[in-house]
Each structure stands twice: as C-alpha cells, then as structure tokens.
Amino acid sequence: MKRAELVFIPTPGMGHLASTLAFAKHLLDRDDRFSITVLVMNPAFAPTNHSIVQLIAASDTRVRFIHLPQVDPPPKELFFRSVEKFITEYVENYKSHVKEAIINHVLSASLPLAGLVVDLFCSSMINVAHELGVPSYVFFTTNAAFSGFMLYLPTRHDQVGIEFRETDPESVIPSYVNPVPPGALSSFALNKEGGYICNVNLGRKYKEADGIIINTFSELESHAVSSFFNDGIPPVYTVGPMIDLKGKTSSEDNQAKHEIMKWLDDQPPSSVVFLCFGSRGSFGEPQLKETALGLERSGHRFLWSVRLPSRDDGLAKPTDAENLEEILPPGFLERTRGIGMICGWAPQVEVLAHKAIGGFVSHCGWNSILESLWHGVPIATWPLYAEQQTNAFQMVRDLGLAVELKINYRLGSGVLVMAEEIENAVKCLMEADSEVRKRVKEMSIKSRQAVIEGGSSYASLGRLIEAIIANVTVPARKSNMW
C-alpha cells in the first residue's frame, strides 16, 4: 500500500488556518495512507499563531507542524492600499523558508512527497512545487462561486484591461447565476492600488496547479461547480462542508462560554437571533446604537457579540466592549434585561448548534455560512470585507438561502445601517414558516448527506485521493533540490 506525505501551506490567519486544518483532519480520517505536515507562517502584525496551533495540535497528534521563521512584512502603507496585495507579497517572502523546510524536514524522511496543498493566497508556492518536481493543489477556503470569479478574472482582464468600476453595469460572471452589480463585488475588484491586478495574477497562477480543492458541496453550488468545466481549469474537487463542529476555546474563554450556553439553555426553542461578525468584525459607537435600537424594536430575543475596532488603524483584532452603558442607547440594557444577552467573544459553532437559536445576523464569511447551513439556521446578510459581499449576493439572489439586511455594505465606508433596516431584517429572519427557513432546513440535510459515504463530497474526495496517490513519486535527493 502506497504511503505519502502532503505539505499544507495555509495563509497566516485564523479563518484560513482553521479551514486548512479541518481539511487536513478530514483527509486523515478518510485515508490513513497520508502523513501531513503543516508549515505555519506568523501573521504580519498580530501575535504569533503558536498558541492557537498548540491548542489544535494537542487535539490531533496526527498532524505535524513546522513553524517557519519570521520574515519582514511589506511596508505597512501597502496594507492600507490593498490588503490582498500585502498578504500575497508577505507570503511570497516565505518562499525560501518553505522550500528549505520541505527539503530539510520532509524530503529527508522516508515517505515520498505527494504534493503541496496551498492556500488561495499562497499561489506563489506553486513555483516551489515546480522546483521540487511535485504536484500542487490549491485549497480554496472560499466558496465555488468566488473561486470561479478568481479564475474568470484573467479572461476578463485580457479583454478589458482595467479594474471594475462603480459605474459599470452588472457583470456576467460564469460562476454566478445572476449578473453581479458593482456594489456586490469584493472591494479588491475596484482597487486601483494593486489589489485588482494582484488577484488577476493569482487567478492565472491557479491554472498551473494540478487540482483545485473547494470547501463546498455540489448540491449547494451546482451552477458554480458546473461553470468550471472549461479548458484551462485544473480538475476541481468539492470536498465540503468541512467545519470544526467541536470548536476550539482557550482556558480564558471557558467562563464566557459557560455563561453564554447557560443563558441559551433558559430560552425557548428557535427564539434567539444571534449577531456575530467574525474574528475581525467590529463597529463604532454610532452603528452599535443603531443596532441596539433595531434589536429592541424587533421584539425578539437576542445574543449579540459586541466588538469595538482596535485603536491601531485596524491592524490588531477588535476588542471586547467595556462600559456598555456609555456606548449603547440610554436605558437599553435595562429595558432588554432578560430577553437579550451581550457578550464579547462568542463560541460561534456551539451557539449555532443550540436549539434556542432561530436566526443568525452574519458577516457572511464562508466558514460561518457553512456552519449556519449545517445547523439549519437562516442568515441575515451583513457583509464587511473581503469576498463577503459576493457571498451575501449569492446567498440572497442566487440561492434564496438568506434574508437581505445588506449586500453592498463595506466596513469603513462611513455608511450607517439604520435601526429600521435591522428591525425589518430581524423580523423577516425570525419568521417561523418563511420560505428561506424551509430552504435552509432542506440544505442542512443535504450538507450532512454530502460528506457521508455515497454523498457527492465523499465521492469527490475519493477522486482527489486517488489522483494524489497516482502522482506519488520517489523523493529526489537533497543535493538536486537546492
């Protein structure tokens, strides 16, 4: 029986790292012929990932982690001009360390190297795979529709030659059912400071890979998946939903988690709307006031994760809010006592799984969407950044699986989402017999069926495994590689 080593290279960020590790574990659970090594880069400005990785590693000793040396980040000014260009340049600075780690710690082992699994922002590592003479596979932590958008960008650029503009008509993008308005595109598509062309180049590079792996399932994104069958696109494997159903909490989070779950235990089934906006989601005081008023007027029970922006231009993670009495409308906390709970950090996976949760106001990160669908909880869309606008558009317009609160909202735009909009969206979201809720319940069943034997993602993962094993070669000598 052939055995082989795979090297995973995730982008340094919790959303990307968590999805990558979920896939690594999923692969090991399915086939014990693989050994997996994860190369860990440090975030450019935030604290290292070491404590998070240690927590994850302790729960599964089958995955080996190698922490790469710190590299100098690009100029901080680039981060504010284009986050995507900053990340890709930062990752590219790790190329020599990645190659050295593979040569010294992987090729020197007894198992042959079956290939590199690289994150969507790590496409420069495809060159490392070429140099080492092994296959490469791009792992998309986003959905199939956005993956298709990235693969479409080079074709569009060759035809048009410039970035998208706010005044453009709606764009026909093959992986979306409906034409996409400019306001629903990711901000990088409109970015003239390097963000747009950076993503065009990423899209070109993906086509050099031996396969594309996407954390989705064909029943959810049948149109997007079918759009991949074009010349020049590598084989696509839909292997999701891959989500961490147990969640990961540190010891300092345990008390907060206990209080949240205890409060939920006391609420009626499907009665609570949960508001949570991801690890980097936060709002200033004016928006928090509008949100509070909207929640109060909706009349529904709520669990609200309130985070404030960091004070260093957004480079650090948001902070939990203190002195809520001074931030929220006068008397709000007293008036909503008993029907609402405000927290800082929240154990999202466990909360969505709780029977008391009836709706989810979300930033529409893809991990969050998959978690909500798995648990049959409908979403009201409030995207903030990255590809979240197109996720919101797809969920509302293409799939009919979410309630529109906003689609084109962008964090930092200065635009306030008003209390009336929030009130109306929450009321619509919490309707017991709405069409959206019925569709979400049906998709919940399909998501669970996709990953078990006989399911679409189970079969797709099987095809990926056989393709990887078929490409296994005997490792070359170190002297030939450096």
Protein backbone atom coordinates (compact mmCIF):
# COMPACT_ATOMS: atom_id res chain seq x y z
CA MET A 1 0.00 0.00 0.00
CA LYS A 2 1.46 3.36 -1.05
CA ARG A 3 2.00 5.86 1.71
CA ALA A 4 2.82 9.50 1.12
CA GLU A 5 3.42 12.88 2.72
CA LEU A 6 1.43 16.02 1.96
CA VAL A 7 2.61 19.51 2.92
CA PHE A 8 -0.10 22.07 3.68
CA ILE A 9 0.73 25.78 3.37
CA PRO A 10 -2.06 27.97 4.82
CA THR A 11 -2.24 31.75 4.82
CA PRO A 12 -1.46 33.14 8.31
CA GLY A 13 -4.94 33.98 9.57
CA MET A 14 -7.39 32.12 11.79
CA GLY A 15 -10.09 31.65 9.14
CA HIS A 16 -7.62 30.19 6.67
CA LEU A 17 -5.71 28.16 9.24
CA ALA A 18 -8.89 26.65 10.72
CA SER A 19 -10.26 25.63 7.31
CA THR A 20 -6.94 24.15 6.24
CA LEU A 21 -6.65 22.09 9.41
CA ALA A 22 -10.26 20.93 9.09
CA PHE A 23 -9.44 19.63 5.62
CA ALA A 24 -6.19 18.01 6.82
CA LYS A 25 -8.05 16.13 9.56
CA HIS A 26 -10.84 15.21 7.16
CA LEU A 27 -8.29 13.71 4.78
CA LEU A 28 -6.59 11.72 7.55
CA ASP A 29 -9.92 10.41 8.81
CA ARG A 30 -10.73 9.21 5.31
CA ASP A 31 -7.39 7.64 4.35
CA ASP A 32 -4.56 6.58 6.66
CA ARG A 33 -2.04 6.37 3.82
CA PHE A 34 -1.27 10.05 4.26
CA SER A 35 1.04 11.84 6.63
CA ILE A 36 0.52 15.61 6.83
CA THR A 37 2.89 18.43 7.69
CA VAL A 38 1.59 22.00 8.06
CA LEU A 39 4.01 24.88 7.54
CA VAL A 40 2.97 27.74 9.84
CA MET A 41 3.69 31.36 8.97
CA ASN A 42 3.29 34.10 11.54
CA PRO A 43 0.80 36.92 10.98
CA ALA A 44 2.49 40.11 9.83
CA PHE A 45 1.36 42.33 12.70
CA ALA A 46 -0.69 40.24 15.12
CA PRO A 47 0.78 37.90 17.76
CA THR A 48 2.10 34.55 16.54
CA ASN A 49 -0.18 31.61 15.79
CA HIS A 50 1.83 29.37 18.12
CA SER A 51 -0.67 29.16 20.99
CA ILE A 52 -3.57 28.50 18.64
CA VAL A 53 -1.64 25.83 16.79
CA GLN A 54 -0.60 24.20 20.08
CA LEU A 55 -4.24 24.03 21.13
CA ILE A 56 -5.21 22.40 17.85
CA ALA A 57 -2.18 20.12 17.77
CA ALA A 58 -2.99 18.78 21.23
CA SER A 59 -6.36 17.59 19.97
CA ASP A 60 -4.92 15.67 16.99
CA THR A 61 -1.36 14.38 17.07
CA ARG A 62 -1.53 13.03 13.51
CA VAL A 63 -0.71 16.46 12.05
CA ARG A 64 2.87 17.73 12.31
CA PHE A 65 3.50 21.48 12.49
CA ILE A 66 6.67 23.30 11.45
CA HIS A 67 6.87 26.93 12.49
CA LEU A 68 8.68 28.99 9.88
CA PRO A 69 11.00 31.87 10.79
CA GLN A 70 9.55 35.37 10.89
CA VAL A 71 10.05 37.41 7.72
CA ASP A 72 9.87 41.14 7.25
CA PRO A 73 6.42 42.26 6.08
CA PRO A 74 5.97 44.68 3.17
CA PRO A 75 5.59 48.36 4.07
CA LYS A 76 2.61 48.99 6.30
CA GLU A 77 1.32 51.56 3.82
CA LEU A 78 0.65 48.75 1.35
CA PHE A 79 -1.74 47.13 3.83
CA PHE A 80 -3.98 50.18 3.74
CA ARG A 81 -3.81 50.45 -0.07
CA SER A 82 -4.56 46.78 -0.72
CA VAL A 83 -4.86 44.05 1.90
CA GLU A 84 -4.77 41.33 -0.77
CA LYS A 85 -1.56 42.62 -2.35
CA PHE A 86 0.01 42.99 1.10
CA ILE A 87 -0.84 39.39 2.01
CA THR A 88 0.40 37.89 -1.25
CA GLU A 89 3.69 39.80 -1.07
CA TYR A 90 4.14 38.82 2.57
CA VAL A 91 3.53 35.15 1.76
CA GLU A 92 5.93 35.31 -1.18
CA ASN A 93 8.68 36.43 1.22
CA TYR A 94 8.36 32.98 2.83
CA LYS A 95 9.21 31.04 -0.35
CA SER A 96 12.83 30.27 0.56
CA HIS A 97 11.86 29.23 4.10
CA VAL A 98 9.12 26.96 2.75
CA LYS A 99 11.47 25.27 0.30
CA GLU A 100 14.17 24.86 2.94
CA ALA A 101 11.71 23.38 5.46
CA ILE A 102 10.48 20.86 2.91
CA ILE A 103 13.99 19.82 1.91
CA ASN A 104 15.27 19.52 5.48
CA HIS A 105 12.23 18.09 7.24
CA VAL A 106 10.08 16.35 4.62
CA LEU A 107 12.23 15.09 1.75
CA SER A 108 14.73 13.75 4.27
CA ALA A 109 12.03 11.45 5.70
CA SER A 110 11.20 8.00 4.42
CA LEU A 111 7.82 8.81 2.86
CA PRO A 112 7.64 10.23 -0.66
CA LEU A 113 6.24 13.76 -1.02
CA ALA A 114 2.88 13.56 -2.77
CA GLY A 115 2.48 17.31 -3.23
CA LEU A 116 1.82 20.72 -1.74
CA VAL A 117 -1.65 21.90 -0.74
CA VAL A 118 -1.50 25.69 -0.88
CA ASP A 119 -4.00 28.29 0.29
CA LEU A 120 -5.55 30.64 -2.28
CA PHE A 121 -3.22 33.47 -1.18
CA CYS A 122 -0.17 31.16 -1.34
CA SER A 123 -0.18 30.58 -5.08
CA SER A 124 3.48 31.65 -5.28
CA MET A 125 4.23 28.32 -3.56
CA ILE A 126 3.14 26.58 -6.77
CA ASN A 127 6.57 27.64 -8.04
CA VAL A 128 8.15 25.78 -5.11
CA ALA A 129 6.24 22.67 -6.14
CA HIS A 130 7.51 23.09 -9.69
CA GLU A 131 11.10 23.42 -8.43
CA LEU A 132 10.74 20.31 -6.28
CA GLY A 133 9.09 18.37 -9.09
CA VAL A 134 5.91 17.56 -7.17
CA PRO A 135 2.20 18.31 -7.79
CA SER A 136 0.42 21.28 -6.25
CA TYR A 137 -3.21 21.67 -5.24
CA VAL A 138 -4.90 24.98 -4.44
CA PHE A 139 -7.21 24.86 -1.43
CA PHE A 140 -9.95 27.49 -1.54
CA THR A 141 -11.29 28.47 1.87
CA THR A 142 -13.95 30.42 -0.04
CA ASN A 143 -16.89 29.03 -1.99
CA ALA A 144 -17.13 27.73 -5.55
CA ALA A 145 -18.73 30.90 -6.91
CA PHE A 146 -15.94 33.14 -5.65
CA SER A 147 -13.32 30.60 -6.76
CA GLY A 148 -14.88 30.78 -10.21
CA PHE A 149 -14.71 34.58 -10.07
CA MET A 150 -10.97 34.41 -9.35
CA LEU A 151 -10.44 32.01 -12.26
CA TYR A 152 -12.51 34.29 -14.52
CA LEU A 153 -10.53 37.44 -13.70
CA PRO A 154 -7.60 36.77 -16.10
CA THR A 155 -10.00 36.19 -19.00
CA ARG A 156 -11.86 39.39 -18.22
CA HIS A 157 -8.62 41.36 -17.80
CA ASP A 158 -7.30 40.16 -21.16
CA GLN A 159 -10.49 41.51 -22.72
CA VAL A 160 -10.93 44.76 -20.77
CA GLY A 161 -7.52 45.56 -19.27
CA ILE A 162 -8.74 47.60 -16.27
CA GLU A 163 -10.30 47.04 -12.89
CA PHE A 164 -14.05 47.09 -12.26
CA ARG A 165 -15.69 50.49 -11.63
CA GLU A 166 -18.62 51.60 -9.51
CA THR A 167 -20.31 52.93 -12.64
CA ASP A 168 -20.06 49.62 -14.51
CA PRO A 169 -23.24 47.78 -15.45
CA GLU A 170 -23.89 44.46 -13.76
CA SER A 171 -21.22 41.89 -14.65
CA VAL A 172 -22.00 38.49 -16.11
CA ILE A 173 -19.64 36.15 -14.23
CA PRO A 174 -19.94 32.47 -15.21
CA SER A 175 -19.95 31.13 -11.64
CA TYR A 176 -22.92 33.28 -10.55
CA VAL A 177 -26.49 32.64 -11.66
CA ASN A 178 -27.42 36.32 -11.83
CA PRO A 179 -25.41 39.31 -13.10
CA VAL A 180 -23.45 40.85 -10.23
CA PRO A 181 -23.77 44.62 -9.53
CA PRO A 182 -20.53 46.53 -8.78
CA GLY A 183 -21.61 47.11 -5.17
CA ALA A 184 -21.72 43.37 -4.54
CA LEU A 185 -18.19 42.75 -5.81
CA SER A 186 -15.30 42.32 -3.42
CA SER A 187 -13.52 45.62 -2.83
CA PHE A 188 -10.31 44.36 -4.45
CA ALA A 189 -12.12 44.22 -7.82
CA LEU A 190 -12.41 48.02 -7.70
CA ASN A 191 -8.96 48.61 -6.23
CA LYS A 192 -6.55 50.68 -8.35
CA GLU A 193 -3.69 50.40 -5.85
CA GLY A 194 -2.63 46.91 -6.86
CA GLY A 195 -5.48 44.90 -5.37
CA TYR A 196 -7.22 44.17 -8.65
CA ILE A 197 -4.15 43.20 -10.68
CA CYS A 198 -2.82 41.16 -7.76
CA ASN A 199 -5.93 38.99 -7.88
CA VAL A 200 -5.77 38.73 -11.67
CA ASN A 201 -2.27 37.28 -11.24
CA LEU A 202 -3.49 34.90 -8.54
CA GLY A 203 -6.17 33.65 -10.91
CA ARG A 204 -3.58 32.98 -13.61
CA LYS A 205 -1.36 31.08 -11.19
CA TYR A 206 -4.18 28.79 -10.02
CA LYS A 207 -4.36 27.35 -13.53
CA GLU A 208 -0.84 25.95 -13.13
CA ALA A 209 -1.94 23.73 -10.25
CA ASP A 210 -2.74 20.04 -10.59
CA GLY A 211 -6.09 20.41 -8.87
CA ILE A 212 -8.39 22.85 -7.09
CA ILE A 213 -9.99 21.86 -3.79
CA ILE A 214 -13.03 23.80 -2.58
CA ASN A 215 -14.77 23.67 0.79
CA THR A 216 -18.28 23.38 -0.63
CA PHE A 217 -20.70 20.75 -1.93
CA SER A 218 -22.28 20.42 -5.34
CA GLU A 219 -25.89 20.44 -4.10
CA LEU A 220 -25.33 23.92 -2.66
CA GLU A 221 -23.46 25.46 -5.60
CA SER A 222 -24.46 23.37 -8.58
CA HIS A 223 -24.33 26.31 -11.01
CA ALA A 224 -20.89 27.47 -9.86
CA VAL A 225 -19.46 23.94 -9.92
CA SER A 226 -20.74 23.31 -13.45
CA SER A 227 -19.06 26.54 -14.62
CA PHE A 228 -15.61 25.03 -14.01
CA PHE A 229 -15.77 22.61 -16.91
CA ASN A 230 -13.81 24.86 -19.24
CA ASP A 231 -10.48 24.48 -20.99
CA GLY A 232 -7.51 25.53 -18.92
CA ILE A 233 -9.04 24.96 -15.47
CA PRO A 234 -7.49 22.13 -13.45
CA PRO A 235 -9.73 19.37 -12.04
CA VAL A 236 -11.99 20.73 -9.29
CA TYR A 237 -12.79 18.73 -6.15
CA THR A 238 -15.68 19.81 -3.91
CA VAL A 239 -14.99 18.26 -0.51
CA GLY A 240 -17.17 20.22 1.94
CA PRO A 241 -18.70 21.21 4.13
CA MET A 242 -15.65 20.88 6.34
CA ILE A 243 -16.32 22.61 9.63
CA ASP A 244 -14.98 22.20 13.13
CA LEU A 245 -18.11 21.04 14.94
CA LYS A 246 -16.37 20.95 18.31
CA GLY A 247 -14.93 24.44 18.21
CA LYS A 248 -11.71 25.46 19.89
CA THR A 249 -11.65 27.55 23.03
CA SER A 250 -8.80 28.53 25.28
CA SER A 251 -9.00 28.30 29.07
CA GLU A 252 -9.68 32.02 29.44
CA ASP A 253 -12.75 31.65 27.18
CA ASN A 254 -14.31 28.84 29.20
CA GLN A 255 -16.11 31.08 31.69
CA ALA A 256 -17.61 33.24 28.96
CA LYS A 257 -18.68 30.14 27.05
CA HIS A 258 -20.32 28.68 30.16
CA GLU A 259 -22.33 31.87 30.80
CA ILE A 260 -23.49 32.11 27.18
CA MET A 261 -24.59 28.48 26.97
CA LYS A 262 -26.34 28.67 30.34
CA TRP A 263 -28.31 31.71 29.17
CA LEU A 264 -29.28 29.95 25.94
CA ASP A 265 -30.44 26.88 27.90
CA ASP A 266 -33.09 29.09 29.52
CA GLN A 267 -34.52 30.40 26.22
CA PRO A 268 -37.37 28.84 24.20
CA PRO A 269 -36.50 26.85 21.05
CA SER A 270 -35.71 28.92 17.92
CA SER A 271 -36.41 32.17 19.76
CA VAL A 272 -33.00 33.88 19.77
CA VAL A 273 -31.33 35.84 16.97
CA PHE A 274 -27.53 35.60 17.16
CA LEU A 275 -25.40 38.52 15.94
CA CYS A 276 -21.73 37.76 15.37
CA PHE A 277 -19.31 39.18 12.80
CA GLY A 278 -16.20 37.02 12.80
CA SER A 279 -12.78 37.42 14.35
CA ARG A 280 -12.19 40.84 12.71
CA GLY A 281 -15.73 42.20 12.67
CA SER A 282 -16.39 45.32 14.74
CA PHE A 283 -18.40 48.54 14.70
CA GLY A 284 -18.06 52.03 16.11
CA GLU A 285 -20.46 53.53 18.64
CA PRO A 286 -22.90 55.13 16.13
CA GLN A 287 -23.52 51.76 14.44
CA LEU A 288 -23.80 49.95 17.78
CA LYS A 289 -26.50 52.41 18.85
CA GLU A 290 -28.49 51.82 15.65
CA THR A 291 -28.11 48.06 16.05
CA ALA A 292 -29.33 48.20 19.64
CA LEU A 293 -32.41 50.20 18.65
CA GLY A 294 -33.18 47.84 15.78
CA LEU A 295 -32.92 44.80 18.02
CA GLU A 296 -35.11 46.32 20.70
CA ARG A 297 -37.80 47.33 18.21
CA SER A 298 -37.81 43.87 16.61
CA GLY A 299 -39.11 42.43 19.88
CA HIS A 300 -37.03 39.26 19.51
CA ARG A 301 -34.63 37.71 21.98
CA PHE A 302 -31.00 38.22 21.02
CA LEU A 303 -27.44 37.15 21.72
CA TRP A 304 -25.13 39.90 20.46
CA SER A 305 -21.35 39.68 20.18
CA VAL A 306 -20.17 43.30 20.51
CA ARG A 307 -16.62 44.11 19.44
CA LEU A 308 -15.00 47.54 19.12
CA PRO A 309 -12.42 48.47 16.45
CA SER A 310 -8.79 48.32 17.51
CA ARG A 311 -7.03 51.62 18.10
CA ASP A 312 -4.14 50.98 15.72
CA ASP A 313 -5.82 51.59 12.36
CA GLY A 314 -7.36 48.14 12.29
CA LEU A 315 -4.16 46.09 12.25
CA ALA A 316 -4.92 44.31 15.52
CA LYS A 317 -8.02 42.29 16.29
CA PRO A 318 -11.10 44.05 17.66
CA THR A 319 -11.51 44.26 21.41
CA ASP A 320 -14.42 43.33 23.66
CA ALA A 321 -16.52 46.33 24.59
CA GLU A 322 -16.47 47.73 28.11
CA ASN A 323 -18.73 50.36 29.66
CA LEU A 324 -21.68 49.35 27.52
CA GLU A 325 -23.93 51.76 29.41
CA GLU A 326 -21.94 54.63 27.89
CA ILE A 327 -21.96 53.21 24.37
CA LEU A 328 -25.49 51.92 23.88
CA PRO A 329 -28.72 54.00 23.96
CA PRO A 330 -29.78 55.20 27.42
CA GLY A 331 -31.78 52.55 29.26
CA PHE A 332 -31.27 49.90 26.58
CA LEU A 333 -29.59 47.39 28.87
CA GLU A 334 -32.29 47.75 31.50
CA ARG A 335 -35.17 47.54 29.01
CA THR A 336 -33.81 44.40 27.35
CA ARG A 337 -32.74 42.64 30.53
CA GLY A 338 -33.97 39.06 30.37
CA ILE A 339 -34.61 38.98 26.62
CA GLY A 340 -31.13 39.85 25.41
CA MET A 341 -27.54 38.98 26.25
CA ILE A 342 -24.47 40.93 25.13
CA CYS A 343 -21.09 39.25 25.06
CA GLY A 344 -17.65 39.87 23.62
CA TRP A 345 -16.11 36.77 22.12
CA ALA A 346 -18.68 34.04 21.40
CA PRO A 347 -18.27 30.28 20.73
CA GLN A 348 -19.97 30.53 17.34
CA VAL A 349 -20.13 26.84 16.41
CA GLU A 350 -21.63 25.82 19.73
CA VAL A 351 -24.08 28.73 19.68
CA LEU A 352 -25.36 27.90 16.19
CA ALA A 353 -25.87 24.30 17.27
CA HIS A 354 -28.05 25.33 20.23
CA LYS A 355 -31.79 24.70 19.93
CA ALA A 356 -32.59 28.22 21.16
CA ILE A 357 -31.03 29.88 18.07
CA GLY A 358 -33.54 30.81 15.39
CA GLY A 359 -31.53 33.19 13.20
CA PHE A 360 -28.03 34.48 12.55
CA VAL A 361 -27.06 38.04 11.58
CA SER A 362 -23.69 37.36 9.98
CA HIS A 363 -20.79 38.98 8.12
CA CYS A 364 -21.12 36.11 5.60
CA GLY A 365 -17.67 34.64 5.95
CA TRP A 366 -17.75 31.29 4.19
CA ASN A 367 -16.98 29.25 7.32
CA SER A 368 -19.88 30.96 9.09
CA ILE A 369 -22.24 30.28 6.19
CA LEU A 370 -21.34 26.59 6.14
CA GLU A 371 -21.80 26.34 9.92
CA SER A 372 -25.21 28.01 9.80
CA LEU A 373 -26.40 25.81 6.93
CA TRP A 374 -25.19 22.67 8.71
CA HIS A 375 -27.28 23.57 11.74
CA GLY A 376 -30.27 24.78 9.71
CA VAL A 377 -30.07 28.39 10.95
CA PRO A 378 -31.06 31.07 8.39
CA ILE A 379 -28.84 34.12 7.91
CA ALA A 380 -29.47 37.85 7.56
CA THR A 381 -26.58 39.20 5.50
CA TRP A 382 -24.33 41.99 6.76
CA PRO A 383 -21.00 41.64 4.88
CA LEU A 384 -17.98 43.66 5.95
CA TYR A 385 -14.93 42.97 3.75
CA ALA A 386 -13.03 40.50 1.52
CA GLU A 387 -15.38 38.28 -0.51
CA GLN A 388 -18.27 38.67 1.93
CA GLN A 389 -20.27 40.97 -0.37
CA THR A 390 -20.33 38.36 -3.14
CA ASN A 391 -21.15 35.67 -0.57
CA ALA A 392 -24.12 37.73 0.58
CA PHE A 393 -25.23 38.34 -3.01
CA GLN A 394 -25.04 34.64 -3.83
CA MET A 395 -26.90 33.55 -0.68
CA VAL A 396 -29.75 36.04 -1.22
CA ARG A 397 -30.10 36.38 -5.01
CA ASP A 398 -28.68 33.16 -6.49
CA LEU A 399 -29.60 30.61 -3.83
CA GLY A 400 -32.51 32.09 -1.85
CA LEU A 401 -30.92 30.86 1.37
CA ALA A 402 -30.63 34.16 3.26
CA VAL A 403 -32.53 37.31 4.17
CA GLU A 404 -31.08 40.55 2.84
CA LEU A 405 -30.12 43.01 5.55
CA LYS A 406 -27.37 44.48 3.37
CA ILE A 407 -25.44 43.14 0.40
CA ASN A 408 -23.21 46.05 -0.56
CA TYR A 409 -22.16 47.25 2.91
CA ARG A 410 -18.40 47.82 3.33
CA LEU A 411 -16.70 48.30 6.68
CA GLY A 412 -15.10 51.72 6.93
CA SER A 413 -17.38 53.25 4.30
CA GLY A 414 -18.91 55.63 6.83
CA VAL A 415 -22.40 54.37 5.96
CA LEU A 416 -24.70 53.52 8.85
CA VAL A 417 -27.12 50.61 8.70
CA MET A 418 -30.16 52.18 10.31
CA ALA A 419 -32.28 50.75 13.12
CA GLU A 420 -35.32 50.34 10.84
CA GLU A 421 -33.33 48.19 8.39
CA ILE A 422 -32.09 45.98 11.21
CA GLU A 423 -35.55 45.73 12.79
CA ASN A 424 -37.16 44.67 9.50
CA ALA A 425 -34.44 42.16 8.64
CA VAL A 426 -34.58 40.52 12.08
CA LYS A 427 -38.39 40.22 11.92
CA CYS A 428 -38.15 38.64 8.47
CA LEU A 429 -35.30 36.36 9.56
CA MET A 430 -37.21 35.05 12.58
CA GLU A 431 -40.45 34.20 10.73
CA ALA A 432 -41.20 30.62 11.73
CA ASP A 433 -42.60 29.39 8.41
CA SER A 434 -40.72 31.55 5.91
CA GLU A 435 -39.59 30.14 2.57
CA VAL A 436 -35.96 30.93 3.40
CA ARG A 437 -36.15 28.96 6.65
CA LYS A 438 -37.65 25.96 4.82
CA ARG A 439 -34.92 26.08 2.16
CA VAL A 440 -32.20 26.31 4.79
CA LYS A 441 -33.59 23.28 6.63
CA GLU A 442 -33.57 21.31 3.38
CA MET A 443 -29.99 22.38 2.61
CA SER A 444 -28.95 21.40 6.13
CA ILE A 445 -29.95 17.82 5.37
CA LYS A 446 -28.12 17.91 2.02
CA SER A 447 -24.96 19.30 3.64
CA ARG A 448 -24.80 16.38 6.05
CA GLN A 449 -25.52 13.84 3.34
CA ALA A 450 -22.77 15.23 1.10
CA VAL A 451 -19.92 14.16 3.38
CA ILE A 452 -21.03 10.64 4.27
CA GLU A 453 -20.48 7.53 2.16
CA GLY A 454 -22.50 7.81 -1.03
CA GLY A 455 -22.54 11.62 -0.84
CA SER A 456 -21.23 13.98 -3.53
CA SER A 457 -18.33 15.38 -1.48
CA TYR A 458 -17.41 11.91 -0.20
CA ALA A 459 -17.07 10.76 -3.82
CA SER A 460 -15.18 13.88 -4.87
CA LEU A 461 -12.69 13.47 -2.02
CA GLY A 462 -12.19 9.88 -3.11
CA ARG A 463 -11.29 11.03 -6.61
CA LEU A 464 -8.84 13.56 -5.18
CA ILE A 465 -7.16 10.92 -3.02
CA GLU A 466 -6.68 8.57 -5.95
CA ALA A 467 -5.29 11.41 -8.10
CA ILE A 468 -2.77 12.32 -5.38
CA ILE A 469 -1.68 8.74 -4.81
CA ALA A 470 -1.31 8.16 -8.56
CA ASN A 471 1.12 11.10 -8.75
CA VAL A 472 3.36 9.95 -5.92
CA THR A 473 6.99 9.76 -6.95
CA VAL A 474 10.13 8.64 -5.16
CA PRO A 475 11.69 11.62 -3.36
CA ALA A 476 14.67 13.20 -5.08
CA ARG A 477 17.98 13.64 -3.32
CA LYS A 478 18.51 16.80 -1.36
CA SER A 479 21.50 17.82 -3.44
CA ASN A 480 19.30 18.03 -6.55
CA MET A 481 16.83 20.33 -4.88
CA TRP A 482 18.87 23.24 -3.61
